[in-house]
Structure formats: C-alpha cells, structure tokens
Amino acid sequence: MRRSRKRTPRRWAGFTLIEICIAIFIAVMILLAAAPSITGVIQERKARKLFEQFDDLAREAGKRAVIERRAYVLAWDDSGVTMLPKEPKNDAEAQGGQRVDFGERQAPELQLPAALTDAAPVVWTFWPTGTCEPATVICRIATAPWTATYNPLTEQPVYTSP
C-alpha cells in the first residue's frame, strides 16, 4: 500500500521576488530613518572624548599647582594646548609637559571674561590656592563641537554640546 504524501503547493515553497524586494525596501527605509540619530551619537562621543582629554589636562594643571605650590598654565598654540609651570625652574620645564594635541583640527578657543585687555595672552592660569581664572573653552570642530565654562573657585566645568 502506498502512502500518499501531501505536496506543498508551489506558490508557498518560498518567497517571491516581489516579497523580497518589499522586505529589502522596508529595511532600507528603517536604516535611513535611524542614520541621523546614529550619526549624532557618534559625533557626541567624539566631542565628549575631546572634552575629556582637555579636562584631564586642566585637572592635572590644577592638581600640580596645589601640590607644587606654584602656578601652572595651559598655553594655547595653533594645534593644541600644553601644560607648563608659569615660572619654569629650568629649560626642560620651559619646553612644557603634558599636551593635548588637536592635530589637523583647530585647538579650542579660550575666553577669559576677567581679563583686563582684549589682547590677553592665550594662557589659562591655575593658582596654588586651588583656584583658576574664570574661563570658557569653546571647541569649534565641525564633527565634535563643545563648550565648557569653568568655575574659578572649584575648577569644575559645565560641559555643553550642541
């Protein structure tokens, strides 16, 4: 006796080309809708990383100023920011110590609201008392912009990223 097997109708054996195209189209539309938010997250991470590198340098300058009981400064140039003592004891100290190099990107802009002149040198001072000059640091890098306003009494930043 022969068993009869039910055969699956041919039209249910797989997906049609139209169904596959519709599924791919829907997946592409979802990815296109998610792309701007993913780009924003990536940009925020880059901005935060640059800020954290800079903030670590500022904290180190403040810490050294208190420990060594002498003023430290962060000095700006075209490609980065260098930490050095305000009054170096020797040539090695005058060359500078730690540095945050922004490379091809431009270094952040320093604004000193308490400066007496508009043409103040581009240095930010940390005093042995554990205080610093009030400052706003603005990073205008297109892919990772941020702004940090530092409290002169606590040396703590208020970080913002657009």
Protein backbone atom coordinates (compact mmCIF):
# COMPACT_ATOMS: atom_id res chain seq x y z
CA MET A 1 0.00 0.00 0.00
CA ARG A 2 1.28 3.31 -0.96
CA ARG A 3 1.16 6.25 1.32
CA SER A 4 0.08 9.43 -0.17
CA ARG A 5 2.09 12.48 0.68
CA LYS A 6 0.63 15.87 0.61
CA ARG A 7 2.64 18.15 -1.51
CA THR A 8 3.12 21.79 -0.64
CA PRO A 9 1.67 23.96 -3.31
CA ARG A 10 4.37 25.54 -5.44
CA ARG A 11 3.35 29.09 -4.61
CA TRP A 12 4.09 28.55 -0.87
CA ALA A 13 7.51 26.95 -1.37
CA GLY A 14 9.41 30.23 -0.96
CA PHE A 15 9.28 33.97 -1.19
CA THR A 16 8.57 35.66 -4.46
CA LEU A 17 10.87 38.26 -5.89
CA ILE A 18 8.31 40.97 -5.10
CA GLU A 19 8.16 39.96 -1.43
CA ILE A 20 11.95 40.00 -1.13
CA CYS A 21 12.14 43.44 -2.80
CA ILE A 22 9.48 44.82 -0.42
CA ALA A 23 11.34 43.42 2.62
CA ILE A 24 14.62 44.99 1.44
CA PHE A 25 12.89 48.30 0.75
CA ILE A 26 11.40 48.37 4.28
CA ALA A 27 14.79 47.52 5.82
CA VAL A 28 16.49 50.33 3.86
CA MET A 29 13.82 52.82 4.94
CA ILE A 30 14.34 51.88 8.60
CA LEU A 31 18.11 52.25 8.25
CA LEU A 32 17.74 55.64 6.56
CA ALA A 33 15.47 56.82 9.35
CA ALA A 34 17.99 55.65 12.01
CA ALA A 35 21.12 57.06 10.30
CA PRO A 36 20.81 60.66 11.58
CA SER A 37 20.44 59.52 15.19
CA ILE A 38 23.40 57.15 14.85
CA THR A 39 25.49 59.97 13.37
CA GLY A 40 24.51 62.21 16.29
CA VAL A 41 25.59 59.58 18.82
CA ILE A 42 28.95 59.17 17.08
CA GLN A 43 29.51 62.93 17.00
CA GLU A 44 28.59 63.23 20.68
CA ARG A 45 31.12 60.52 21.56
CA LYS A 46 33.87 62.31 19.62
CA ALA A 47 33.03 65.61 21.29
CA ARG A 48 32.96 64.01 24.73
CA LYS A 49 36.32 62.29 24.14
CA LEU A 50 37.99 65.55 23.08
CA PHE A 51 36.48 67.35 26.06
CA GLU A 52 37.63 64.64 28.49
CA GLN A 53 41.21 64.84 27.15
CA PHE A 54 41.20 68.60 27.62
CA ASP A 55 39.52 68.43 31.03
CA ASP A 56 42.06 65.85 32.25
CA LEU A 57 44.83 68.30 31.31
CA ALA A 58 43.07 71.14 33.16
CA ARG A 59 42.60 68.97 36.26
CA GLU A 60 46.25 67.94 36.17
CA ALA A 61 47.34 71.60 35.98
CA GLY A 62 45.16 72.45 38.98
CA LYS A 63 46.43 69.46 40.95
CA ARG A 64 50.09 70.24 40.23
CA ALA A 65 49.63 73.88 41.14
CA VAL A 66 48.37 72.89 44.60
CA ILE A 67 50.90 70.08 45.18
CA GLU A 68 53.95 72.04 43.98
CA ARG A 69 52.70 75.35 45.42
CA ARG A 70 53.34 77.29 42.24
CA ALA A 71 51.17 78.49 39.38
CA TYR A 72 50.66 76.35 36.28
CA VAL A 73 49.27 77.49 32.96
CA LEU A 74 47.66 75.92 29.94
CA ALA A 75 49.20 77.58 26.90
CA TRP A 76 47.43 77.58 23.53
CA ASP A 77 49.01 77.31 20.09
CA ASP A 78 47.57 76.54 16.63
CA SER A 79 47.38 72.78 17.05
CA GLY A 80 46.94 72.14 20.77
CA VAL A 81 47.21 73.05 24.43
CA THR A 82 50.30 72.49 26.61
CA MET A 83 50.57 72.47 30.41
CA LEU A 84 53.65 74.12 31.92
CA PRO A 85 54.69 75.96 35.08
CA LYS A 86 54.13 79.70 34.98
CA GLU A 87 57.71 80.26 36.16
CA PRO A 88 59.78 77.30 34.95
CA LYS A 89 62.84 76.32 37.00
CA ASN A 90 64.86 75.01 34.04
CA ASP A 91 64.84 74.60 30.26
CA ALA A 92 63.12 71.21 30.41
CA GLU A 93 60.17 72.71 32.28
CA ALA A 94 60.08 75.66 29.88
CA GLN A 95 59.56 73.24 26.97
CA GLY A 96 56.30 72.15 28.54
CA GLY A 97 54.91 68.94 29.89
CA GLN A 98 51.68 67.23 29.07
CA ARG A 99 49.82 68.26 25.95
CA VAL A 100 46.53 67.73 24.22
CA ASP A 101 47.23 67.84 20.51
CA PHE A 102 44.27 68.59 18.29
CA GLY A 103 46.37 67.88 15.19
CA GLU A 104 44.81 68.98 11.94
CA ARG A 105 41.76 70.14 13.84
CA GLN A 106 41.93 73.58 15.36
CA ALA A 107 42.61 74.00 19.06
CA PRO A 108 39.69 75.20 21.15
CA GLU A 109 39.18 78.90 21.70
CA LEU A 110 39.90 80.31 25.17
CA GLN A 111 37.76 83.14 26.52
CA LEU A 112 38.83 84.82 29.75
CA PRO A 113 35.96 87.06 30.90
CA ALA A 114 38.04 88.53 33.77
CA ALA A 115 40.95 89.59 31.51
CA LEU A 116 41.67 93.30 31.69
CA THR A 117 42.55 93.62 28.00
CA ASP A 118 41.15 92.13 24.82
CA ALA A 119 44.65 91.20 23.65
CA ALA A 120 45.39 88.99 26.65
CA PRO A 121 47.90 86.18 26.04
CA VAL A 122 46.32 82.83 25.29
CA VAL A 123 47.18 81.19 28.61
CA TRP A 124 44.91 80.00 31.39
CA THR A 125 46.37 80.15 34.89
CA PHE A 126 45.83 77.70 37.77
CA TRP A 127 46.91 79.08 41.16
CA PRO A 128 48.47 77.23 44.13
CA THR A 129 45.37 78.10 46.18
CA GLY A 130 43.32 75.57 44.19
CA THR A 131 41.58 78.21 42.09
CA CYS A 132 41.86 79.23 38.46
CA GLU A 133 40.97 82.15 36.28
CA PRO A 134 37.34 82.01 35.16
CA ALA A 135 37.36 80.66 31.62
CA THR A 136 35.16 79.44 28.83
CA VAL A 137 36.69 76.98 26.38
CA ILE A 138 34.96 76.61 23.02
CA CYS A 139 35.83 73.80 20.63
CA ARG A 140 34.52 74.63 17.16
CA ILE A 141 35.48 71.40 15.40
CA ALA A 142 32.63 70.68 12.99
CA THR A 143 32.38 66.97 13.81
CA ALA A 144 32.75 67.36 17.59
CA PRO A 145 31.84 70.84 18.93
CA TRP A 146 31.61 71.51 22.67
CA THR A 147 31.77 74.32 25.19
CA ALA A 148 33.00 74.19 28.79
CA THR A 149 32.63 77.02 31.29
CA TYR A 150 34.97 76.58 34.25
CA ASN A 151 34.09 77.82 37.73
CA PRO A 152 37.09 79.76 39.13
CA LEU A 153 36.59 78.53 42.70
CA THR A 154 36.08 74.84 42.08
CA GLU A 155 37.83 74.43 38.70
CA GLN A 156 34.81 72.34 37.66
CA PRO A 157 33.44 72.65 34.13
CA VAL A 158 29.90 72.97 32.90
CA TYR A 159 30.01 70.96 29.66
CA THR A 160 27.60 71.56 26.79
CA SER A 161 27.48 70.03 23.34
CA PRO A 162 25.05 71.23 20.69
